[in-house]
Amino acid sequence: MTHAIAAPTLKMGIPIPNAKLGMWLFLGTEIMFFTAFIGTYIVMRMGSQGWPTDTNVTHINIALGGTNTFVLIVSSYLVVLSHDCLLTNKYAKAWRYMLYTFVLGCVFLGIKGIEYAGKFEHDILPGHIPENNRQAMDKVVNQFGVLMDKRLSAVFPLGSKYESNPVLTREDQKASLDARVKVLTEKADRSPAETAELAKLQALAKLNQEYVSLKDHVRSDLSLTVPAEKFNDIRKEENAPSKYPPVTLDEVNHKVAELVNDKAADGTKSSELATLAHGLTPAHPILYGNLFASNYFLMTGFHAIHVIVGLFMFALILMKGSRLSINDSVLVENIGLYWHFVDLVWIFLFPLLYII
């Protein structure tokens, strides 16, 4: 009697774990996600003549970007070592390599944070960048106005003088400033503290005059060489704008530098005026600057989010501690695949944003 050998049970699908297949499918969607960003950036970059490439203008730090590239490549190598140690039952070693990968991921985010801080410091932010001289002059005036509000409110807080009307306008603050200066000026027996207060208030009044003058010149498009006292007469003249030189960005930035670098009477230190003007900076137009900043923060921001997600997954493995075993090999391999993808995206972003 013959006995037929039972055929082996067929398993449908490709011969890889379902979890790994799911990760590859997920990474496929992620590739399409970043391809859209990168493709859009390339089209904008190639189609915009005059795109900002000077690192002194964009404040792109190639050294930090290169360091981050090295950090990610090393971290990808370490996660491979971690998985290899896991397969050879070297669990403690696998955990240590995973820890090193986690630390390098944190280093990447720290360096990226330094880069972002530089962008915020120089106001290289979407919607904040002037793209022509007129926008640059308007930015200086707006910045000056914010600074002036801050300085006046520090001396005359909103609502301090008018309890029935807590909304204190700049005109109210200016009136209070002039009144206080007048009182201290006319006081014959001023104390040292009052003398110091008077010097500060006079400097504040001077700074406010400079702000009003600069604002009027820019809005009237008249050179700073045209006395503000003539504005009322100029407005009555026919075809007045063609008779007087227009204001220039160089004039505006020179005035800003003059205020910020103003020296005391002895010439050895900054004056009270310079102290109050601290924080005021010149502005320079960057053609396509807002488009550049939008692309930069969009791509690097989404990449940073993916790095954070990767660190969260590494943390889950690290929390296992001594419980880490070969049963976690598929999970570690999938996390490694995800991390390699994060590394690969950065290898595309670095030359596009930092070098080309």
Protein backbone atom coordinates (compact mmCIF):
# COMPACT_ATOMS: atom_id res chain seq x y z
CA MET A 1 0.00 0.00 0.00
CA THR A 2 1.40 3.32 -1.01
CA HIS A 3 1.15 6.48 1.07
CA ALA A 4 1.08 9.84 -0.72
CA ILE A 5 3.32 12.50 0.78
CA ALA A 6 1.30 15.57 1.73
CA ALA A 7 2.23 18.69 -0.23
CA PRO A 8 3.65 21.55 1.85
CA THR A 9 1.20 24.25 2.82
CA LEU A 10 1.42 27.18 0.47
CA LYS A 11 1.86 30.67 1.93
CA MET A 12 0.45 33.49 -0.16
CA GLY A 13 2.48 36.65 -0.77
CA ILE A 14 6.18 37.38 -0.89
CA PRO A 15 8.51 35.61 1.55
CA ILE A 16 9.11 38.47 4.01
CA PRO A 17 7.42 39.26 7.33
CA ASN A 18 4.22 41.25 7.06
CA ALA A 19 5.67 43.97 9.29
CA LYS A 20 8.61 44.45 6.94
CA LEU A 21 6.29 44.55 3.92
CA GLY A 22 4.19 47.17 5.69
CA MET A 23 7.29 49.27 6.38
CA TRP A 24 8.36 49.16 2.72
CA LEU A 25 4.87 50.22 1.62
CA PHE A 26 4.94 53.05 4.15
CA LEU A 27 8.37 54.17 2.96
CA GLY A 28 7.04 54.19 -0.59
CA THR A 29 4.44 56.78 0.41
CA GLU A 30 7.13 58.76 2.24
CA ILE A 31 9.30 58.77 -0.87
CA MET A 32 6.42 60.26 -2.85
CA PHE A 33 5.85 62.80 -0.06
CA PHE A 34 9.41 64.13 -0.11
CA THR A 35 9.73 63.79 -3.89
CA ALA A 36 6.93 66.35 -4.21
CA PHE A 37 8.82 68.79 -1.97
CA ILE A 38 12.17 68.26 -3.67
CA GLY A 39 10.69 68.40 -7.18
CA THR A 40 8.81 71.61 -6.40
CA TYR A 41 11.97 73.16 -4.95
CA ILE A 42 14.00 72.26 -8.04
CA VAL A 43 11.38 73.79 -10.36
CA MET A 44 11.26 77.00 -8.30
CA ARG A 45 15.03 77.14 -7.98
CA MET A 46 15.71 76.65 -11.69
CA GLY A 47 12.89 78.95 -12.78
CA SER A 48 13.80 81.91 -10.57
CA GLN A 49 16.67 83.99 -11.94
CA GLY A 50 18.47 85.64 -9.05
CA TRP A 51 17.69 82.93 -6.48
CA PRO A 52 19.69 83.69 -3.30
CA THR A 53 22.80 81.51 -3.16
CA ASP A 54 25.22 83.66 -1.13
CA THR A 55 25.53 82.07 2.31
CA ASN A 56 26.27 85.49 3.80
CA VAL A 57 22.80 86.56 2.65
CA THR A 58 20.81 83.40 3.40
CA HIS A 59 22.83 82.59 6.56
CA ILE A 60 23.12 78.96 5.47
CA ASN A 61 25.89 77.26 7.45
CA ILE A 62 27.51 74.67 5.17
CA ALA A 63 29.84 73.43 7.94
CA LEU A 64 26.92 72.63 10.26
CA GLY A 65 24.97 71.04 7.43
CA GLY A 66 27.98 68.89 6.51
CA THR A 67 28.44 67.88 10.15
CA ASN A 68 24.80 66.81 10.31
CA THR A 69 25.25 64.74 7.16
CA PHE A 70 28.19 62.91 8.77
CA VAL A 71 26.20 62.43 11.98
CA LEU A 72 23.28 60.79 10.16
CA ILE A 73 25.52 58.52 8.07
CA VAL A 74 27.32 57.28 11.21
CA SER A 75 24.00 56.77 13.00
CA SER A 76 22.72 54.65 10.09
CA TYR A 77 25.84 52.49 10.35
CA LEU A 78 25.33 52.08 14.10
CA VAL A 79 21.71 50.95 13.75
CA VAL A 80 22.92 48.24 11.31
CA LEU A 81 25.47 47.10 13.91
CA SER A 82 22.72 47.03 16.52
CA HIS A 83 20.56 44.75 14.36
CA ASP A 84 23.54 42.52 13.54
CA CYS A 85 24.38 42.12 17.25
CA LEU A 86 20.77 41.26 17.96
CA LEU A 87 20.85 38.42 15.43
CA THR A 88 24.03 37.00 17.04
CA ASN A 89 22.54 37.13 20.57
CA LYS A 90 24.77 40.02 21.70
CA TYR A 91 21.85 41.84 23.28
CA ALA A 92 23.77 44.21 25.56
CA LYS A 93 25.93 45.32 22.66
CA ALA A 94 22.87 45.77 20.45
CA TRP A 95 21.32 48.01 23.12
CA ARG A 96 24.48 50.12 23.34
CA TYR A 97 24.62 50.66 19.57
CA MET A 98 20.98 51.66 19.64
CA LEU A 99 21.79 54.16 22.40
CA TYR A 100 24.62 55.64 20.32
CA THR A 101 22.22 56.00 17.38
CA PHE A 102 19.71 57.76 19.62
CA VAL A 103 22.39 60.17 20.88
CA LEU A 104 23.52 61.01 17.35
CA GLY A 105 19.91 61.70 16.38
CA CYS A 106 19.71 64.16 19.27
CA VAL A 107 22.98 65.74 18.11
CA PHE A 108 21.45 66.21 14.65
CA LEU A 109 18.44 68.02 16.13
CA GLY A 110 20.69 70.13 18.33
CA ILE A 111 22.73 71.31 15.35
CA LYS A 112 19.56 71.94 13.38
CA GLY A 113 18.29 74.01 16.33
CA ILE A 114 21.44 76.14 16.16
CA GLU A 115 20.83 76.70 12.45
CA TYR A 116 17.21 77.64 13.05
CA ALA A 117 18.27 80.06 15.80
CA GLY A 118 20.51 81.82 13.27
CA LYS A 119 17.60 82.16 10.87
CA PHE A 120 15.40 83.68 13.57
CA GLU A 121 18.20 85.98 14.72
CA HIS A 122 18.60 87.41 11.21
CA ASP A 123 14.84 87.27 10.53
CA ILE A 124 15.28 84.90 7.58
CA LEU A 125 11.66 83.78 7.92
CA PRO A 126 8.85 83.36 5.38
CA GLY A 127 6.98 86.63 4.94
CA HIS A 128 9.59 88.64 6.84
CA ILE A 129 12.16 89.13 4.10
CA PRO A 130 12.16 92.33 2.00
CA GLU A 131 12.66 91.59 -1.68
CA ASN A 132 13.29 95.14 -2.91
CA ASN A 133 14.62 98.42 -1.50
CA ARG A 134 11.17 99.80 -0.72
CA GLN A 135 10.22 96.75 1.33
CA ALA A 136 13.58 96.94 3.13
CA MET A 137 12.98 100.58 4.12
CA ASP A 138 9.45 99.76 5.28
CA LYS A 139 10.85 96.91 7.37
CA VAL A 140 13.29 99.27 9.10
CA VAL A 141 10.47 101.72 9.86
CA ASN A 142 8.21 98.95 11.21
CA GLN A 143 11.06 97.55 13.30
CA PHE A 144 11.82 101.05 14.60
CA GLY A 145 8.14 101.50 15.51
CA VAL A 146 8.03 98.27 17.50
CA LEU A 147 11.23 99.24 19.31
CA MET A 148 9.84 102.70 20.08
CA ASP A 149 6.63 101.22 21.50
CA LYS A 150 8.72 98.95 23.71
CA ARG A 151 10.93 101.79 24.98
CA LEU A 152 8.02 104.15 25.68
CA SER A 153 5.94 101.48 27.39
CA ALA A 154 8.89 100.62 29.64
CA VAL A 155 8.83 104.19 31.00
CA PHE A 156 5.11 104.90 30.69
CA PRO A 157 3.24 101.58 30.96
CA LEU A 158 -0.12 101.34 29.26
CA GLY A 159 -2.88 102.57 31.54
CA SER A 160 -0.56 103.97 34.21
CA LYS A 161 -1.60 107.57 33.60
CA TYR A 162 -5.22 107.13 32.61
CA GLU A 163 -7.09 104.77 34.89
CA SER A 164 -10.43 105.58 33.23
CA ASN A 165 -8.92 104.91 29.79
CA PRO A 166 -6.39 102.07 30.03
CA VAL A 167 -5.55 102.30 26.32
CA LEU A 168 -2.58 104.64 26.32
CA THR A 169 -1.69 105.77 22.79
CA ARG A 170 1.77 106.71 21.58
CA GLU A 171 0.61 110.35 21.55
CA ASP A 172 -0.31 110.03 25.24
CA GLN A 173 3.04 108.47 26.00
CA LYS A 174 4.85 111.17 24.06
CA ALA A 175 2.94 113.89 25.93
CA SER A 176 3.83 112.24 29.24
CA LEU A 177 7.46 112.04 28.16
CA ASP A 178 7.62 115.72 27.17
CA ALA A 179 5.91 116.75 30.40
CA ARG A 180 8.33 114.77 32.55
CA VAL A 181 11.36 116.13 30.68
CA LYS A 182 10.08 119.66 31.16
CA VAL A 183 9.57 119.15 34.89
CA LEU A 184 13.06 117.73 35.41
CA THR A 185 14.69 120.35 33.18
CA GLU A 186 13.14 123.22 35.13
CA LYS A 187 13.98 121.69 38.50
CA ALA A 188 16.99 123.49 39.92
CA ASP A 189 17.96 121.07 42.69
CA ARG A 190 17.87 117.75 40.86
CA SER A 191 19.19 114.71 42.67
CA PRO A 192 21.75 112.43 40.95
CA ALA A 193 18.97 109.93 40.28
CA GLU A 194 16.80 112.64 38.69
CA THR A 195 19.75 113.84 36.59
CA ALA A 196 20.25 110.29 35.29
CA GLU A 197 16.52 109.99 34.63
CA LEU A 198 16.54 113.27 32.70
CA ALA A 199 19.43 112.08 30.50
CA LYS A 200 17.57 108.88 29.72
CA LEU A 201 14.30 110.66 28.98
CA GLN A 202 16.01 113.22 26.74
CA ALA A 203 17.63 110.37 24.82
CA LEU A 204 14.23 108.67 24.55
CA ALA A 205 12.67 111.89 23.25
CA LYS A 206 15.51 112.21 20.72
CA LEU A 207 15.04 108.62 19.59
CA ASN A 208 11.32 109.22 19.12
CA GLN A 209 12.07 112.30 17.01
CA GLU A 210 14.41 110.23 14.86
CA TYR A 211 11.71 107.58 14.45
CA VAL A 212 9.02 110.08 13.44
CA SER A 213 11.41 111.80 11.03
CA LEU A 214 12.53 108.53 9.43
CA LYS A 215 8.94 107.30 9.11
CA ASP A 216 7.80 110.56 7.48
CA HIS A 217 10.70 110.58 5.03
CA VAL A 218 10.16 106.97 3.98
CA ARG A 219 6.39 107.30 3.63
CA SER A 220 6.75 110.56 1.71
CA ASP A 221 9.60 109.10 -0.37
CA LEU A 222 11.78 112.11 0.34
CA SER A 223 15.51 112.02 0.99
CA LEU A 224 16.70 112.42 4.57
CA THR A 225 18.54 115.51 3.36
CA VAL A 226 15.16 117.24 2.95
CA PRO A 227 14.26 118.89 6.29
CA ALA A 228 11.10 117.50 7.86
CA GLU A 229 9.98 121.07 8.58
CA LYS A 230 9.46 121.59 4.84
CA PHE A 231 7.08 118.65 4.43
CA ASN A 232 3.89 120.68 4.82
CA ASP A 233 5.05 123.16 2.18
CA ILE A 234 6.23 120.38 -0.12
CA ARG A 235 2.84 118.66 0.00
CA LYS A 236 1.23 121.86 -1.28
CA GLU A 237 3.63 122.15 -4.22
CA GLU A 238 2.62 120.88 -7.60
CA ASN A 239 4.63 117.86 -8.84
CA ALA A 240 6.61 118.02 -5.60
CA PRO A 241 8.01 114.45 -5.77
CA SER A 242 9.89 115.23 -8.99
CA LYS A 243 11.53 118.32 -7.46
CA TYR A 244 13.18 116.58 -4.49
CA PRO A 245 15.48 113.55 -4.29
CA PRO A 246 13.80 110.31 -3.15
CA VAL A 247 14.84 108.49 0.01
CA THR A 248 17.34 105.66 -0.52
CA LEU A 249 17.99 102.44 1.36
CA ASP A 250 21.60 103.48 1.95
CA GLU A 251 20.38 106.63 3.71
CA VAL A 252 18.00 104.65 5.92
CA ASN A 253 20.59 102.02 6.87
CA HIS A 254 23.18 104.75 7.49
CA LYS A 255 20.77 106.45 9.89
CA VAL A 256 20.22 103.16 11.73
CA ALA A 257 23.98 102.61 12.06
CA GLU A 258 24.39 106.19 13.25
CA LEU A 259 21.85 105.73 16.03
CA VAL A 260 23.09 102.33 17.17
CA ASN A 261 26.76 103.43 17.19
CA ASP A 262 26.21 106.85 18.75
CA LYS A 263 28.98 107.62 21.24
CA ALA A 264 28.88 109.38 24.59
CA ALA A 265 30.31 112.88 24.94
CA ASP A 266 33.69 111.52 26.04
CA GLY A 267 33.73 109.20 23.01
CA THR A 268 34.76 106.18 25.08
CA LYS A 269 31.41 104.41 25.32
CA SER A 270 27.99 104.20 23.75
CA SER A 271 25.63 107.04 24.53
CA GLU A 272 22.23 106.72 26.19
CA LEU A 273 20.73 107.09 22.72
CA ALA A 274 22.72 104.12 21.40
CA THR A 275 21.63 102.03 24.38
CA LEU A 276 17.97 102.76 23.67
CA ALA A 277 18.45 102.11 19.93
CA HIS A 278 20.03 98.70 20.60
CA GLY A 279 18.14 96.05 18.66
CA LEU A 280 17.57 98.25 15.64
CA THR A 281 19.20 96.67 12.58
CA PRO A 282 19.58 97.66 8.92
CA ALA A 283 17.63 95.73 6.29
CA HIS A 284 18.77 94.43 2.93
CA PRO A 285 16.55 93.08 0.15
CA ILE A 286 16.84 89.41 -0.83
CA LEU A 287 15.24 88.59 -4.17
CA TYR A 288 13.05 85.45 -3.81
CA GLY A 289 14.01 85.46 -0.14
CA ASN A 290 10.55 84.51 1.12
CA LEU A 291 10.28 81.67 -1.41
CA PHE A 292 13.70 80.41 -0.35
CA ALA A 293 12.82 80.57 3.36
CA SER A 294 9.47 78.82 2.79
CA ASN A 295 11.17 75.95 0.94
CA TYR A 296 13.97 75.71 3.49
CA PHE A 297 11.74 75.52 6.55
CA LEU A 298 9.18 73.28 4.85
CA MET A 299 11.69 70.62 3.80
CA THR A 300 14.03 70.74 6.78
CA GLY A 301 11.09 71.07 9.16
CA PHE A 302 9.33 67.94 7.88
CA HIS A 303 12.66 66.13 7.87
CA ALA A 304 13.22 67.15 11.51
CA ILE A 305 9.75 65.80 12.39
CA HIS A 306 10.74 62.45 10.85
CA VAL A 307 13.95 62.49 12.90
CA ILE A 308 11.90 63.04 16.07
CA VAL A 309 9.62 60.12 15.16
CA GLY A 310 12.71 57.96 14.63
CA LEU A 311 14.08 58.96 18.05
CA PHE A 312 10.77 58.04 19.62
CA MET A 313 11.00 54.56 18.07
CA PHE A 314 14.59 54.19 19.26
CA ALA A 315 13.45 55.17 22.75
CA LEU A 316 10.87 52.35 22.72
CA ILE A 317 13.65 49.85 22.01
CA LEU A 318 15.95 51.37 24.63
CA MET A 319 13.20 51.14 27.26
CA LYS A 320 13.27 47.35 26.90
CA GLY A 321 16.74 47.34 28.46
CA SER A 322 17.75 43.81 29.44
CA ARG A 323 14.49 42.46 27.98
CA LEU A 324 15.80 43.10 24.46
CA SER A 325 15.97 39.78 22.59
CA ILE A 326 16.08 38.20 19.15
CA ASN A 327 12.30 38.40 19.10
CA ASP A 328 12.73 42.16 18.56
CA SER A 329 14.91 41.69 15.48
CA VAL A 330 12.12 42.42 12.97
CA LEU A 331 11.11 45.54 14.90
CA VAL A 332 14.71 46.78 15.05
CA GLU A 333 15.17 46.04 11.34
CA ASN A 334 12.04 48.04 10.45
CA ILE A 335 13.15 50.96 12.59
CA GLY A 336 16.54 50.74 10.85
CA LEU A 337 14.84 50.87 7.44
CA TYR A 338 12.94 53.97 8.50
CA TRP A 339 16.16 55.59 9.79
CA HIS A 340 17.99 54.81 6.55
CA PHE A 341 15.18 56.59 4.70
CA VAL A 342 15.58 59.64 6.96
CA ASP A 343 19.31 59.58 6.24
CA LEU A 344 18.72 59.24 2.48
CA VAL A 345 16.33 62.23 2.40
CA TRP A 346 18.92 64.40 4.12
CA ILE A 347 21.57 63.33 1.61
CA PHE A 348 19.32 64.87 -1.06
CA LEU A 349 18.41 67.97 0.97
CA PHE A 350 21.98 68.86 1.96
CA PRO A 351 23.39 69.50 -1.53
CA LEU A 352 20.15 71.08 -2.78
CA LEU A 353 19.80 73.58 0.06
CA TYR A 354 23.39 74.07 1.20
CA ILE A 355 25.74 73.60 -1.76
CA ILE A 356 24.08 74.10 -5.16
